[in-house]
Amino acid sequence: LTIDIQDALGRESSLSLVVDNIEVTVEREIVTLEGEVYREEEKMTAGDVATAFAGEDNVNNYLRVVHNAR
């Protein structure tokens, strides 16, 4: 499940700048997303991708939105 979600995140073009910052862990069918993204939309998209695999009640989206230093 972890690899499936990581692969799906990698295919999501809107996450291309932050996908390497997203850590996916699965424990007892609960998916946890941790790391940093630059926009709230990226956090929501990553959460939606994980939810598609694990179900709405099985995702903890702990991604933090930080300002992009570009």
N, C-alpha and C. Protein backbone atom coordinates (compact mmCIF):
# COMPACT_ATOMS: atom_id res chain seq x y z
N LEU A 1 0.83 -1.20 0.00
CA LEU A 1 0.00 0.00 0.00
C LEU A 1 0.87 1.26 0.00
N THR A 2 1.93 1.24 0.78
CA THR A 2 2.84 2.39 0.83
C THR A 2 3.40 2.70 -0.56
N ILE A 3 3.86 1.68 -1.24
CA ILE A 3 4.45 1.87 -2.58
C ILE A 3 3.40 2.34 -3.57
N ASP A 4 2.20 1.79 -3.49
CA ASP A 4 1.12 2.21 -4.40
C ASP A 4 0.82 3.70 -4.23
N ILE A 5 0.76 4.15 -2.99
CA ILE A 5 0.47 5.57 -2.72
C ILE A 5 1.63 6.44 -3.17
N GLN A 6 2.86 6.02 -2.87
CA GLN A 6 4.03 6.79 -3.31
C GLN A 6 4.06 6.91 -4.83
N ASP A 7 3.77 5.83 -5.53
CA ASP A 7 3.74 5.85 -7.00
C ASP A 7 2.66 6.81 -7.50
N ALA A 8 1.49 6.76 -6.90
CA ALA A 8 0.40 7.64 -7.32
C ALA A 8 0.74 9.11 -7.05
N LEU A 9 1.38 9.38 -5.93
CA LEU A 9 1.81 10.75 -5.64
C LEU A 9 2.82 11.21 -6.69
N GLY A 10 3.71 10.33 -7.09
CA GLY A 10 4.72 10.66 -8.09
C GLY A 10 4.13 10.95 -9.45
N ARG A 11 2.99 10.35 -9.75
CA ARG A 11 2.32 10.58 -11.04
C ARG A 11 1.49 11.84 -11.05
N GLU A 12 1.25 12.42 -9.89
CA GLU A 12 0.41 13.62 -9.77
C GLU A 12 1.26 14.85 -10.10
N SER A 13 1.02 15.44 -11.28
CA SER A 13 1.88 16.53 -11.76
C SER A 13 1.88 17.74 -10.83
N SER A 14 0.78 18.00 -10.14
CA SER A 14 0.72 19.16 -9.25
C SER A 14 1.59 18.99 -8.00
N LEU A 15 2.09 17.77 -7.79
CA LEU A 15 2.94 17.52 -6.63
C LEU A 15 4.41 17.35 -7.02
N SER A 16 4.74 17.62 -8.27
CA SER A 16 6.09 17.33 -8.77
C SER A 16 7.19 18.05 -7.99
N LEU A 17 6.92 19.23 -7.46
CA LEU A 17 7.95 19.98 -6.73
C LEU A 17 8.10 19.52 -5.29
N VAL A 18 7.14 18.80 -4.77
CA VAL A 18 7.17 18.45 -3.34
C VAL A 18 7.10 16.95 -3.06
N VAL A 19 6.94 16.13 -4.09
CA VAL A 19 6.72 14.70 -3.84
C VAL A 19 7.86 14.07 -3.05
N ASP A 20 9.08 14.54 -3.24
CA ASP A 20 10.21 13.98 -2.48
C ASP A 20 10.18 14.38 -1.01
N ASN A 21 9.36 15.37 -0.67
CA ASN A 21 9.24 15.82 0.72
C ASN A 21 8.17 15.06 1.49
N ILE A 22 7.40 14.23 0.80
CA ILE A 22 6.25 13.56 1.42
C ILE A 22 6.63 12.14 1.82
N GLU A 23 6.51 11.88 3.11
CA GLU A 23 6.78 10.54 3.64
C GLU A 23 5.45 9.83 3.88
N VAL A 24 5.34 8.63 3.33
CA VAL A 24 4.12 7.83 3.48
C VAL A 24 4.44 6.63 4.36
N THR A 25 3.67 6.45 5.42
CA THR A 25 3.81 5.26 6.25
C THR A 25 2.43 4.63 6.41
N VAL A 26 2.42 3.31 6.56
CA VAL A 26 1.17 2.58 6.77
C VAL A 26 1.37 1.66 7.96
N GLU A 27 0.46 1.80 8.91
CA GLU A 27 0.49 0.92 10.08
C GLU A 27 -0.95 0.53 10.40
N ARG A 28 -1.22 -0.76 10.40
CA ARG A 28 -2.57 -1.29 10.67
C ARG A 28 -3.61 -0.64 9.76
N GLU A 29 -3.27 -0.54 8.48
CA GLU A 29 -4.16 0.00 7.44
C GLU A 29 -4.44 1.49 7.58
N ILE A 30 -3.73 2.17 8.49
CA ILE A 30 -3.84 3.62 8.62
C ILE A 30 -2.66 4.25 7.90
N VAL A 31 -2.96 5.14 6.94
CA VAL A 31 -1.93 5.82 6.16
C VAL A 31 -1.63 7.16 6.82
N THR A 32 -0.34 7.43 7.02
CA THR A 32 0.08 8.72 7.57
C THR A 32 0.97 9.42 6.56
N LEU A 33 0.64 10.67 6.28
CA LEU A 33 1.44 11.52 5.41
C LEU A 33 2.16 12.55 6.28
N GLU A 34 3.48 12.62 6.13
CA GLU A 34 4.26 13.60 6.88
C GLU A 34 5.24 14.27 5.95
N GLY A 35 5.63 15.47 6.30
CA GLY A 35 6.59 16.22 5.51
C GLY A 35 6.12 17.63 5.28
N GLU A 36 6.73 18.29 4.30
CA GLU A 36 6.42 19.69 4.04
C GLU A 36 6.04 19.90 2.58
N VAL A 37 5.02 20.70 2.37
CA VAL A 37 4.59 21.10 1.04
C VAL A 37 4.53 22.63 1.03
N TYR A 38 4.40 23.20 -0.17
CA TYR A 38 4.46 24.66 -0.29
C TYR A 38 3.09 25.34 -0.31
N ARG A 39 2.05 24.56 -0.63
CA ARG A 39 0.72 25.16 -0.76
C ARG A 39 -0.33 24.25 -0.13
N GLU A 40 -1.39 24.84 0.36
CA GLU A 40 -2.49 24.08 0.95
C GLU A 40 -3.08 23.11 -0.09
N GLU A 41 -3.11 23.53 -1.36
CA GLU A 41 -3.64 22.68 -2.41
C GLU A 41 -2.82 21.39 -2.54
N GLU A 42 -1.51 21.49 -2.36
CA GLU A 42 -0.66 20.28 -2.44
C GLU A 42 -0.98 19.33 -1.29
N LYS A 43 -1.18 19.88 -0.11
CA LYS A 43 -1.55 19.06 1.04
C LYS A 43 -2.87 18.33 0.77
N MET A 44 -3.84 19.07 0.24
CA MET A 44 -5.15 18.48 -0.02
C MET A 44 -5.06 17.42 -1.12
N THR A 45 -4.30 17.68 -2.17
CA THR A 45 -4.15 16.71 -3.26
C THR A 45 -3.51 15.42 -2.75
N ALA A 46 -2.44 15.55 -1.98
CA ALA A 46 -1.77 14.36 -1.43
C ALA A 46 -2.74 13.57 -0.55
N GLY A 47 -3.53 14.27 0.24
CA GLY A 47 -4.52 13.61 1.08
C GLY A 47 -5.58 12.89 0.26
N ASP A 48 -6.00 13.52 -0.83
CA ASP A 48 -6.99 12.89 -1.72
C ASP A 48 -6.44 11.62 -2.36
N VAL A 49 -5.18 11.66 -2.78
CA VAL A 49 -4.54 10.48 -3.38
C VAL A 49 -4.51 9.34 -2.36
N ALA A 50 -4.08 9.63 -1.15
CA ALA A 50 -4.00 8.60 -0.11
C ALA A 50 -5.39 8.06 0.22
N THR A 51 -6.37 8.94 0.26
CA THR A 51 -7.74 8.53 0.57
C THR A 51 -8.30 7.59 -0.49
N ALA A 52 -7.92 7.81 -1.74
CA ALA A 52 -8.38 6.94 -2.82
C ALA A 52 -7.94 5.49 -2.60
N PHE A 53 -6.82 5.31 -1.94
CA PHE A 53 -6.31 3.96 -1.67
C PHE A 53 -6.79 3.41 -0.33
N ALA A 54 -6.87 4.25 0.68
CA ALA A 54 -7.09 3.75 2.04
C ALA A 54 -8.47 4.02 2.60
N GLY A 55 -9.22 4.93 1.99
CA GLY A 55 -10.52 5.30 2.53
C GLY A 55 -10.41 6.52 3.42
N GLU A 56 -11.49 7.27 3.47
CA GLU A 56 -11.47 8.58 4.13
C GLU A 56 -11.09 8.53 5.61
N ASP A 57 -11.53 7.50 6.30
CA ASP A 57 -11.28 7.42 7.74
C ASP A 57 -9.92 6.82 8.08
N ASN A 58 -9.14 6.48 7.07
CA ASN A 58 -7.87 5.78 7.31
C ASN A 58 -6.64 6.59 6.92
N VAL A 59 -6.78 7.92 6.84
CA VAL A 59 -5.64 8.76 6.44
C VAL A 59 -5.43 9.85 7.47
N ASN A 60 -4.19 9.93 7.96
CA ASN A 60 -3.77 11.04 8.81
C ASN A 60 -2.87 11.93 7.97
N ASN A 61 -3.36 13.11 7.62
CA ASN A 61 -2.60 14.02 6.78
C ASN A 61 -1.91 15.04 7.68
N TYR A 62 -0.65 14.76 8.01
CA TYR A 62 0.13 15.63 8.88
C TYR A 62 1.11 16.49 8.09
N LEU A 63 0.86 16.65 6.79
CA LEU A 63 1.73 17.49 5.98
C LEU A 63 1.65 18.93 6.47
N ARG A 64 2.80 19.60 6.50
CA ARG A 64 2.87 20.99 6.92
C ARG A 64 3.06 21.87 5.70
N VAL A 65 2.33 22.97 5.65
CA VAL A 65 2.47 23.92 4.56
C VAL A 65 3.51 24.97 4.99
N VAL A 66 4.59 25.04 4.22
CA VAL A 66 5.66 26.01 4.49
C VAL A 66 5.82 26.90 3.27
N HIS A 67 6.38 28.05 3.47
CA HIS A 67 6.58 28.97 2.35
C HIS A 67 7.73 28.50 1.47
N ASN A 68 7.51 28.54 0.20
CA ASN A 68 8.53 28.16 -0.78
C ASN A 68 9.59 29.25 -0.81
N ALA A 69 10.83 28.87 -0.71
CA ALA A 69 11.92 29.85 -0.66
C ALA A 69 12.40 30.29 -2.02
N ARG A 70 11.59 30.01 -3.07
CA ARG A 70 12.01 30.40 -4.42
C ARG A 70 12.07 31.89 -4.60
